[in-house]
């Protein structure tokens, strides 16, 4: 699974590789069932890659889209740490 691959890359400290994997996921499965999970993971990868502003923008957009989503509390905690 592509999302699991990206998660593993991020855990291994390879944020850029995780972002590339998530880009491929977005191209291949733009409306797939794991879209939300992939986007939340992208927030983590962006932050790890030093792209904090992009991570914050995406986290806010995801919270607007799904304020009660499975990762909403995690996204709020990320934003509160900014």
C-alpha atoms as a PDB file:
ATOM      1  CA  UNK A   1       0.000   0.000   0.000  1.00  0.00           C
ATOM      2  CA  UNK A   2       1.382   3.377  -1.026  1.00  0.00           C
ATOM      3  CA  UNK A   3       0.288   5.167   2.150  1.00  0.00           C
ATOM      4  CA  UNK A   4       2.097   2.579   4.296  1.00  0.00           C
ATOM      5  CA  UNK A   5       5.198   2.992   2.146  1.00  0.00           C
ATOM      6  CA  UNK A   6       5.116   6.763   2.709  1.00  0.00           C
ATOM      7  CA  UNK A   7       4.588   6.252   6.446  1.00  0.00           C
ATOM      8  CA  UNK A   8       7.645   3.977   6.565  1.00  0.00           C
ATOM      9  CA  UNK A   9       9.736   6.494   4.667  1.00  0.00           C
ATOM     10  CA  UNK A  10       8.704   9.219   7.066  1.00  0.00           C
ATOM     11  CA  UNK A  11       9.543   7.028  10.087  1.00  0.00           C
ATOM     12  CA  UNK A  12      12.963   6.394   8.545  1.00  0.00           C
ATOM     13  CA  UNK A  13      13.578  10.145   8.333  1.00  0.00           C
ATOM     14  CA  UNK A  14      13.120  10.334   4.574  1.00  0.00           C
ATOM     15  CA  UNK A  15      10.516  13.103   4.376  1.00  0.00           C
ATOM     16  CA  UNK A  16      11.307  13.968   0.754  1.00  0.00           C
ATOM     17  CA  UNK A  17      10.824  10.338  -0.292  1.00  0.00           C
ATOM     18  CA  UNK A  18       7.541  10.232   1.616  1.00  0.00           C
ATOM     19  CA  UNK A  19       6.354  13.345  -0.204  1.00  0.00           C
ATOM     20  CA  UNK A  20       7.247  11.812  -3.580  1.00  0.00           C
ATOM     21  CA  UNK A  21       5.356   8.650  -2.655  1.00  0.00           C
ATOM     22  CA  UNK A  22       2.349  10.704  -1.571  1.00  0.00           C
ATOM     23  CA  UNK A  23       2.529  12.656  -4.852  1.00  0.00           C
ATOM     24  CA  UNK A  24       2.295   9.341  -6.708  1.00  0.00           C
ATOM     25  CA  UNK A  25      -0.647   8.316  -4.520  1.00  0.00           C
ATOM     26  CA  UNK A  26      -2.417  11.597  -5.317  1.00  0.00           C
ATOM     27  CA  UNK A  27      -1.894  11.064  -9.040  1.00  0.00           C
ATOM     28  CA  UNK A  28      -3.064   7.458  -9.014  1.00  0.00           C
ATOM     29  CA  UNK A  29      -5.807   7.624  -6.369  1.00  0.00           C
ATOM     30  CA  UNK A  30      -6.913  11.272  -6.220  1.00  0.00           C
ATOM     31  CA  UNK A  31     -10.395  10.304  -5.034  1.00  0.00           C
ATOM     32  CA  UNK A  32      -9.514   7.017  -3.396  1.00  0.00           C
ATOM     33  CA  UNK A  33     -10.670   5.871   0.032  1.00  0.00           C
ATOM     34  CA  UNK A  34      -7.299   6.693   1.634  1.00  0.00           C
ATOM     35  CA  UNK A  35      -7.176  10.270   0.336  1.00  0.00           C
ATOM     36  CA  UNK A  36      -7.807  11.845   3.750  1.00  0.00           C
ATOM     37  CA  UNK A  37      -5.283   9.590   5.490  1.00  0.00           C
ATOM     38  CA  UNK A  38      -2.703  10.380   2.808  1.00  0.00           C
ATOM     39  CA  UNK A  39      -3.289  14.100   3.194  1.00  0.00           C
ATOM     40  CA  UNK A  40      -2.884  13.927   6.979  1.00  0.00           C
ATOM     41  CA  UNK A  41       0.359  12.032   6.453  1.00  0.00           C
ATOM     42  CA  UNK A  42       1.399  14.749   3.984  1.00  0.00           C
ATOM     43  CA  UNK A  43       1.064  17.301   6.814  1.00  0.00           C
ATOM     44  CA  UNK A  44       3.591  15.284   8.818  1.00  0.00           C
ATOM     45  CA  UNK A  45       5.910  14.880   5.850  1.00  0.00           C
ATOM     46  CA  UNK A  46       5.794  18.568   4.974  1.00  0.00           C
ATOM     47  CA  UNK A  47       6.581  19.519   8.554  1.00  0.00           C
ATOM     48  CA  UNK A  48       9.446  17.012   8.673  1.00  0.00           C
ATOM     49  CA  UNK A  49      10.803  18.400   5.402  1.00  0.00           C
ATOM     50  CA  UNK A  50      10.887  21.897   6.894  1.00  0.00           C
ATOM     51  CA  UNK A  51       7.905  23.116   4.905  1.00  0.00           C
ATOM     52  CA  UNK A  52       5.977  24.278   7.983  1.00  0.00           C
ATOM     53  CA  UNK A  53       3.894  26.919   6.212  1.00  0.00           C
ATOM     54  CA  UNK A  54       2.638  24.363   3.685  1.00  0.00           C
ATOM     55  CA  UNK A  55       1.941  21.880   6.476  1.00  0.00           C
ATOM     56  CA  UNK A  56      -0.088  24.462   8.402  1.00  0.00           C
ATOM     57  CA  UNK A  57      -2.060  25.461   5.302  1.00  0.00           C
ATOM     58  CA  UNK A  58      -2.915  21.841   4.528  1.00  0.00           C
ATOM     59  CA  UNK A  59      -3.803  21.035   8.150  1.00  0.00           C
ATOM     60  CA  UNK A  60      -6.219  23.971   8.240  1.00  0.00           C
ATOM     61  CA  UNK A  61      -7.800  22.910   4.941  1.00  0.00           C
ATOM     62  CA  UNK A  62      -8.252  19.338   6.186  1.00  0.00           C
ATOM     63  CA  UNK A  63      -9.912  20.576   9.373  1.00  0.00           C
ATOM     64  CA  UNK A  64     -12.297  22.726   7.330  1.00  0.00           C
ATOM     65  CA  UNK A  65     -13.094  19.720   5.148  1.00  0.00           C
ATOM     66  CA  UNK A  66     -13.541  17.246   8.028  1.00  0.00           C
ATOM     67  CA  UNK A  67     -13.745  19.012  11.391  1.00  0.00           C
ATOM     68  CA  UNK A  68     -14.674  15.720  13.062  1.00  0.00           C
ATOM     69  CA  UNK A  69     -12.444  13.474  10.978  1.00  0.00           C
ATOM     70  CA  UNK A  70     -10.452  10.624  12.461  1.00  0.00           C
ATOM     71  CA  UNK A  71      -7.318  12.787  12.645  1.00  0.00           C
ATOM     72  CA  UNK A  72      -8.951  16.099  13.550  1.00  0.00           C
ATOM     73  CA  UNK A  73      -7.556  16.127  17.087  1.00  0.00           C
ATOM     74  CA  UNK A  74      -4.085  15.325  15.819  1.00  0.00           C
ATOM     75  CA  UNK A  75      -4.312  18.150  13.276  1.00  0.00           C
ATOM     76  CA  UNK A  76      -5.505  20.563  15.958  1.00  0.00           C
ATOM     77  CA  UNK A  77      -2.589  19.565  18.191  1.00  0.00           C
ATOM     78  CA  UNK A  78      -0.182  20.165  15.293  1.00  0.00           C
ATOM     79  CA  UNK A  79      -1.660  23.603  14.676  1.00  0.00           C
ATOM     80  CA  UNK A  80      -1.573  24.466  18.393  1.00  0.00           C
ATOM     81  CA  UNK A  81       2.159  23.720  18.415  1.00  0.00           C
ATOM     82  CA  UNK A  82       2.757  26.389  15.772  1.00  0.00           C
END
